[in-house]
Amino acid sequence: MKKDISVPLIVMITALAFLDPFMYLMPSMMVSFVLGILMIATVVYGLIIFKENAQDEREVAVRAFADRHAGLVGTIGLVLVIVYQVLVVHHVDAVIVLILLAMLITKYVAHVYAEKHL
């Protein structure tokens, strides 16, 4: 795995910029610019993750450990958002449910593919 943290850091910083609820920090033109940076940085980050190769068993184990924990945190986070929306907002955003389903289906399909082809 590359030790370079700059691309994920750019993704995180640009994503956090959208937490400005009243858009004091980001006027409409700035929103478009930061959204473009977020999209480009996310694509670059995805390409880095997709192209990385493990050189030995230890790197495979480290990647599996990191992937398992990232998936678990993502799943728990989405479930907590669904619970919050059910209990407080009384309406569940369909996009959140679809993202959770996509994560779980991808995990299963990748597992089946890896068992047969790797």
N, C-alpha and C. Protein backbone atom coordinates (compact mmCIF):
# COMPACT_ATOMS: atom_id res chain seq x y z
N MET A 1 0.85 -1.18 0.00
CA MET A 1 0.00 0.00 0.00
C MET A 1 0.88 1.24 0.00
N LYS A 2 0.50 2.21 -0.74
CA LYS A 2 1.27 3.44 -0.78
C LYS A 2 1.09 4.20 0.53
N LYS A 3 2.17 4.79 0.98
CA LYS A 3 2.14 5.54 2.24
C LYS A 3 1.63 6.96 2.04
N ASP A 4 1.35 7.33 0.79
CA ASP A 4 0.91 8.69 0.51
C ASP A 4 -0.51 8.90 1.03
N ILE A 5 -0.67 9.88 1.87
CA ILE A 5 -1.95 10.17 2.48
C ILE A 5 -2.62 11.38 1.86
N SER A 6 -1.97 12.02 0.88
CA SER A 6 -2.48 13.29 0.36
C SER A 6 -3.83 13.15 -0.34
N VAL A 7 -4.02 12.12 -1.16
CA VAL A 7 -5.29 11.99 -1.88
C VAL A 7 -6.45 11.71 -0.92
N PRO A 8 -6.34 10.73 0.01
CA PRO A 8 -7.45 10.55 0.94
C PRO A 8 -7.68 11.79 1.82
N LEU A 9 -6.63 12.51 2.14
CA LEU A 9 -6.77 13.72 2.93
C LEU A 9 -7.56 14.79 2.16
N ILE A 10 -7.29 14.92 0.88
CA ILE A 10 -8.05 15.86 0.04
C ILE A 10 -9.52 15.46 -0.02
N VAL A 11 -9.79 14.16 -0.16
CA VAL A 11 -11.17 13.68 -0.17
C VAL A 11 -11.86 14.03 1.15
N MET A 12 -11.20 13.78 2.26
CA MET A 12 -11.80 14.06 3.57
C MET A 12 -12.05 15.55 3.79
N ILE A 13 -11.07 16.38 3.45
CA ILE A 13 -11.20 17.83 3.67
C ILE A 13 -12.32 18.39 2.80
N THR A 14 -12.38 18.00 1.54
CA THR A 14 -13.43 18.53 0.68
C THR A 14 -14.80 18.02 1.09
N ALA A 15 -14.88 16.78 1.55
CA ALA A 15 -16.16 16.27 2.04
C ALA A 15 -16.60 17.01 3.30
N LEU A 16 -15.67 17.28 4.20
CA LEU A 16 -16.00 18.01 5.42
C LEU A 16 -16.42 19.45 5.14
N ALA A 17 -15.97 20.01 4.02
CA ALA A 17 -16.36 21.38 3.67
C ALA A 17 -17.86 21.50 3.46
N PHE A 18 -18.53 20.41 3.13
CA PHE A 18 -19.97 20.45 2.90
C PHE A 18 -20.77 20.38 4.19
N LEU A 19 -20.12 20.32 5.34
CA LEU A 19 -20.82 20.33 6.61
C LEU A 19 -21.21 21.73 7.06
N ASP A 20 -20.91 22.73 6.26
CA ASP A 20 -21.30 24.11 6.54
C ASP A 20 -22.81 24.23 6.30
N PRO A 21 -23.64 24.16 7.35
CA PRO A 21 -25.09 24.05 7.14
C PRO A 21 -25.73 25.28 6.52
N PHE A 22 -25.22 26.45 6.77
CA PHE A 22 -25.83 27.66 6.25
C PHE A 22 -25.03 28.26 5.09
N MET A 23 -24.03 27.52 4.62
CA MET A 23 -23.18 27.91 3.51
C MET A 23 -22.55 29.29 3.72
N TYR A 24 -22.13 29.56 4.96
CA TYR A 24 -21.40 30.80 5.24
C TYR A 24 -20.00 30.75 4.63
N LEU A 25 -19.39 29.59 4.73
CA LEU A 25 -18.02 29.46 4.26
C LEU A 25 -17.92 29.24 2.76
N MET A 26 -18.98 28.68 2.16
CA MET A 26 -18.92 28.34 0.76
C MET A 26 -20.10 28.94 0.00
N PRO A 27 -19.88 30.04 -0.71
CA PRO A 27 -20.94 30.55 -1.59
C PRO A 27 -21.16 29.58 -2.75
N SER A 28 -22.19 29.81 -3.54
CA SER A 28 -22.61 28.83 -4.55
C SER A 28 -21.51 28.51 -5.57
N MET A 29 -20.73 29.48 -5.98
CA MET A 29 -19.65 29.18 -6.94
C MET A 29 -18.58 28.32 -6.28
N MET A 30 -18.31 28.57 -5.02
CA MET A 30 -17.31 27.77 -4.30
C MET A 30 -17.80 26.34 -4.11
N VAL A 31 -19.10 26.15 -3.92
CA VAL A 31 -19.66 24.80 -3.77
C VAL A 31 -19.36 23.99 -5.03
N SER A 32 -19.60 24.56 -6.18
CA SER A 32 -19.34 23.85 -7.44
C SER A 32 -17.86 23.49 -7.58
N PHE A 33 -16.99 24.41 -7.23
CA PHE A 33 -15.56 24.17 -7.32
C PHE A 33 -15.12 23.05 -6.37
N VAL A 34 -15.56 23.10 -5.12
CA VAL A 34 -15.19 22.09 -4.12
C VAL A 34 -15.81 20.75 -4.48
N LEU A 35 -17.02 20.76 -5.02
CA LEU A 35 -17.65 19.52 -5.45
C LEU A 35 -16.85 18.86 -6.57
N GLY A 36 -16.35 19.67 -7.49
CA GLY A 36 -15.49 19.13 -8.56
C GLY A 36 -14.22 18.53 -8.01
N ILE A 37 -13.59 19.22 -7.07
CA ILE A 37 -12.38 18.69 -6.43
C ILE A 37 -12.69 17.37 -5.72
N LEU A 38 -13.81 17.33 -5.01
CA LEU A 38 -14.21 16.11 -4.29
C LEU A 38 -14.39 14.95 -5.27
N MET A 39 -15.05 15.20 -6.37
CA MET A 39 -15.29 14.13 -7.34
C MET A 39 -13.98 13.63 -7.95
N ILE A 40 -13.13 14.54 -8.36
CA ILE A 40 -11.85 14.15 -8.96
C ILE A 40 -10.97 13.40 -7.96
N ALA A 41 -10.89 13.92 -6.73
CA ALA A 41 -10.07 13.26 -5.71
C ALA A 41 -10.61 11.88 -5.36
N THR A 42 -11.92 11.72 -5.36
CA THR A 42 -12.50 10.42 -5.06
C THR A 42 -12.19 9.41 -6.16
N VAL A 43 -12.26 9.85 -7.40
CA VAL A 43 -11.92 8.96 -8.52
C VAL A 43 -10.44 8.56 -8.45
N VAL A 44 -9.56 9.52 -8.18
CA VAL A 44 -8.12 9.22 -8.07
C VAL A 44 -7.88 8.26 -6.91
N TYR A 45 -8.55 8.49 -5.78
CA TYR A 45 -8.40 7.60 -4.63
C TYR A 45 -8.88 6.18 -4.97
N GLY A 46 -10.00 6.09 -5.66
CA GLY A 46 -10.50 4.78 -6.08
C GLY A 46 -9.53 4.06 -6.99
N LEU A 47 -8.91 4.80 -7.91
CA LEU A 47 -7.93 4.20 -8.81
C LEU A 47 -6.70 3.72 -8.04
N ILE A 48 -6.27 4.49 -7.06
CA ILE A 48 -5.12 4.08 -6.24
C ILE A 48 -5.44 2.79 -5.50
N ILE A 49 -6.62 2.74 -4.89
CA ILE A 49 -7.03 1.55 -4.13
C ILE A 49 -7.17 0.35 -5.08
N PHE A 50 -7.77 0.57 -6.24
CA PHE A 50 -8.02 -0.52 -7.17
C PHE A 50 -6.73 -1.09 -7.74
N LYS A 51 -5.73 -0.26 -7.97
CA LYS A 51 -4.49 -0.71 -8.60
C LYS A 51 -3.43 -1.22 -7.63
N GLU A 52 -3.62 -1.02 -6.33
CA GLU A 52 -2.58 -1.45 -5.41
C GLU A 52 -2.52 -2.97 -5.35
N ASN A 53 -1.32 -3.49 -5.25
CA ASN A 53 -1.10 -4.94 -5.21
C ASN A 53 -0.31 -5.28 -3.95
N ALA A 54 -0.71 -6.36 -3.32
CA ALA A 54 0.02 -6.84 -2.16
C ALA A 54 1.21 -7.67 -2.63
N GLN A 55 2.36 -7.46 -2.00
CA GLN A 55 3.58 -8.15 -2.40
C GLN A 55 3.80 -9.47 -1.64
N ASP A 56 3.25 -9.56 -0.43
CA ASP A 56 3.43 -10.79 0.35
C ASP A 56 2.20 -11.03 1.22
N GLU A 57 2.24 -12.11 2.00
CA GLU A 57 1.09 -12.50 2.81
C GLU A 57 0.76 -11.47 3.88
N ARG A 58 1.77 -10.81 4.41
CA ARG A 58 1.53 -9.81 5.44
C ARG A 58 0.72 -8.64 4.88
N GLU A 59 1.09 -8.17 3.69
CA GLU A 59 0.34 -7.07 3.07
C GLU A 59 -1.09 -7.48 2.75
N VAL A 60 -1.29 -8.73 2.35
CA VAL A 60 -2.65 -9.23 2.11
C VAL A 60 -3.45 -9.20 3.40
N ALA A 61 -2.83 -9.64 4.49
CA ALA A 61 -3.52 -9.65 5.79
C ALA A 61 -3.82 -8.23 6.26
N VAL A 62 -2.89 -7.30 6.06
CA VAL A 62 -3.11 -5.91 6.46
C VAL A 62 -4.25 -5.30 5.67
N ARG A 63 -4.28 -5.54 4.36
CA ARG A 63 -5.38 -5.02 3.52
C ARG A 63 -6.71 -5.62 3.94
N ALA A 64 -6.74 -6.93 4.20
CA ALA A 64 -7.98 -7.57 4.62
C ALA A 64 -8.47 -7.00 5.95
N PHE A 65 -7.54 -6.77 6.87
CA PHE A 65 -7.88 -6.19 8.18
C PHE A 65 -8.48 -4.80 8.00
N ALA A 66 -7.81 -3.97 7.18
CA ALA A 66 -8.29 -2.61 6.96
C ALA A 66 -9.63 -2.60 6.23
N ASP A 67 -9.78 -3.45 5.23
CA ASP A 67 -11.04 -3.51 4.48
C ASP A 67 -12.19 -3.97 5.37
N ARG A 68 -11.92 -4.96 6.21
CA ARG A 68 -12.97 -5.47 7.10
C ARG A 68 -13.44 -4.39 8.06
N HIS A 69 -12.51 -3.66 8.64
CA HIS A 69 -12.89 -2.60 9.58
C HIS A 69 -13.57 -1.42 8.90
N ALA A 70 -13.10 -1.06 7.71
CA ALA A 70 -13.75 0.03 6.97
C ALA A 70 -15.18 -0.34 6.60
N GLY A 71 -15.38 -1.56 6.15
CA GLY A 71 -16.73 -2.02 5.82
C GLY A 71 -17.63 -2.06 7.03
N LEU A 72 -17.08 -2.50 8.16
CA LEU A 72 -17.87 -2.57 9.39
C LEU A 72 -18.27 -1.18 9.86
N VAL A 73 -17.34 -0.24 9.83
CA VAL A 73 -17.64 1.13 10.24
C VAL A 73 -18.67 1.76 9.30
N GLY A 74 -18.53 1.54 8.00
CA GLY A 74 -19.49 2.07 7.04
C GLY A 74 -20.88 1.49 7.26
N THR A 75 -20.96 0.19 7.47
CA THR A 75 -22.25 -0.46 7.69
C THR A 75 -22.90 0.02 8.99
N ILE A 76 -22.14 0.05 10.07
CA ILE A 76 -22.68 0.52 11.35
C ILE A 76 -23.12 1.98 11.24
N GLY A 77 -22.32 2.80 10.56
CA GLY A 77 -22.69 4.20 10.39
C GLY A 77 -23.99 4.37 9.63
N LEU A 78 -24.17 3.64 8.55
CA LEU A 78 -25.40 3.74 7.78
C LEU A 78 -26.60 3.22 8.57
N VAL A 79 -26.42 2.14 9.32
CA VAL A 79 -27.51 1.62 10.14
C VAL A 79 -27.89 2.64 11.23
N LEU A 80 -26.89 3.30 11.83
CA LEU A 80 -27.19 4.32 12.84
C LEU A 80 -27.93 5.51 12.22
N VAL A 81 -27.58 5.88 11.01
CA VAL A 81 -28.31 6.96 10.33
C VAL A 81 -29.75 6.54 10.06
N ILE A 82 -29.96 5.30 9.65
CA ILE A 82 -31.32 4.81 9.43
C ILE A 82 -32.11 4.82 10.74
N VAL A 83 -31.51 4.35 11.82
CA VAL A 83 -32.18 4.35 13.13
C VAL A 83 -32.54 5.78 13.54
N TYR A 84 -31.58 6.70 13.38
CA TYR A 84 -31.84 8.11 13.71
C TYR A 84 -33.00 8.66 12.89
N GLN A 85 -33.00 8.37 11.60
CA GLN A 85 -34.06 8.90 10.75
C GLN A 85 -35.42 8.30 11.10
N VAL A 86 -35.45 7.04 11.47
CA VAL A 86 -36.71 6.42 11.86
C VAL A 86 -37.23 7.02 13.17
N LEU A 87 -36.35 7.18 14.15
CA LEU A 87 -36.78 7.63 15.47
C LEU A 87 -36.98 9.15 15.57
N VAL A 88 -36.20 9.93 14.86
CA VAL A 88 -36.25 11.39 15.02
C VAL A 88 -36.96 12.06 13.84
N VAL A 89 -36.57 11.72 12.64
CA VAL A 89 -37.10 12.39 11.45
C VAL A 89 -38.41 11.74 10.99
N HIS A 90 -38.59 10.47 11.32
CA HIS A 90 -39.77 9.68 10.93
C HIS A 90 -39.86 9.49 9.42
N HIS A 91 -38.72 9.54 8.76
CA HIS A 91 -38.65 9.31 7.32
C HIS A 91 -37.24 8.85 6.99
N VAL A 92 -37.14 7.73 6.31
CA VAL A 92 -35.82 7.20 5.95
C VAL A 92 -35.51 7.59 4.52
N ASP A 93 -34.35 8.19 4.34
CA ASP A 93 -33.90 8.57 3.00
C ASP A 93 -33.54 7.30 2.23
N ALA A 94 -34.15 7.12 1.08
CA ALA A 94 -33.96 5.90 0.29
C ALA A 94 -32.50 5.74 -0.15
N VAL A 95 -31.80 6.83 -0.37
CA VAL A 95 -30.41 6.75 -0.83
C VAL A 95 -29.54 6.05 0.21
N ILE A 96 -29.78 6.31 1.47
CA ILE A 96 -28.99 5.68 2.53
C ILE A 96 -29.22 4.18 2.53
N VAL A 97 -30.46 3.76 2.38
CA VAL A 97 -30.77 2.33 2.34
C VAL A 97 -30.13 1.69 1.11
N LEU A 98 -30.18 2.38 -0.02
CA LEU A 98 -29.58 1.84 -1.24
C LEU A 98 -28.06 1.72 -1.12
N ILE A 99 -27.43 2.69 -0.47
CA ILE A 99 -25.97 2.60 -0.26
C ILE A 99 -25.64 1.41 0.64
N LEU A 100 -26.41 1.21 1.70
CA LEU A 100 -26.20 0.06 2.59
C LEU A 100 -26.36 -1.24 1.82
N LEU A 101 -27.41 -1.34 1.02
CA LEU A 101 -27.62 -2.54 0.22
C LEU A 101 -26.48 -2.76 -0.77
N ALA A 102 -26.03 -1.68 -1.41
CA ALA A 102 -24.92 -1.79 -2.36
C ALA A 102 -23.65 -2.29 -1.67
N MET A 103 -23.38 -1.79 -0.46
CA MET A 103 -22.20 -2.24 0.29
C MET A 103 -22.29 -3.73 0.60
N LEU A 104 -23.44 -4.18 1.08
CA LEU A 104 -23.59 -5.58 1.48
C LEU A 104 -23.57 -6.51 0.27
N ILE A 105 -24.22 -6.11 -0.82
CA ILE A 105 -24.23 -6.94 -2.02
C ILE A 105 -22.82 -7.01 -2.62
N THR A 106 -22.12 -5.89 -2.65
CA THR A 106 -20.75 -5.89 -3.17
C THR A 106 -19.84 -6.77 -2.34
N LYS A 107 -19.99 -6.72 -1.04
CA LYS A 107 -19.18 -7.56 -0.15
C LYS A 107 -19.42 -9.04 -0.47
N TYR A 108 -20.68 -9.42 -0.64
CA TYR A 108 -21.01 -10.81 -0.92
C TYR A 108 -20.49 -11.25 -2.29
N VAL A 109 -20.74 -10.44 -3.31
CA VAL A 109 -20.31 -10.79 -4.67
C VAL A 109 -18.78 -10.87 -4.75
N ALA A 110 -18.09 -9.94 -4.11
CA ALA A 110 -16.62 -9.97 -4.11
C ALA A 110 -16.11 -11.21 -3.39
N HIS A 111 -16.78 -11.59 -2.32
CA HIS A 111 -16.37 -12.79 -1.58
C HIS A 111 -16.54 -14.05 -2.45
N VAL A 112 -17.67 -14.16 -3.11
CA VAL A 112 -17.92 -15.32 -3.98
C VAL A 112 -16.92 -15.34 -5.14
N TYR A 113 -16.66 -14.17 -5.73
CA TYR A 113 -15.70 -14.09 -6.84
C TYR A 113 -14.30 -14.48 -6.37
N ALA A 114 -13.89 -14.01 -5.22
CA ALA A 114 -12.55 -14.30 -4.71
C ALA A 114 -12.39 -15.79 -4.41
N GLU A 115 -13.44 -16.42 -3.89
CA GLU A 115 -13.35 -17.85 -3.60
C GLU A 115 -13.17 -18.67 -4.87
N LYS A 116 -13.79 -18.24 -5.97
CA LYS A 116 -13.75 -19.02 -7.20
C LYS A 116 -12.54 -18.70 -8.08
N HIS A 117 -12.08 -17.44 -8.05
CA HIS A 117 -11.07 -17.02 -9.03
C HIS A 117 -9.72 -16.64 -8.44
N LEU A 118 -9.60 -16.49 -7.15
CA LEU A 118 -8.32 -16.09 -6.57
C LEU A 118 -7.69 -17.22 -5.80
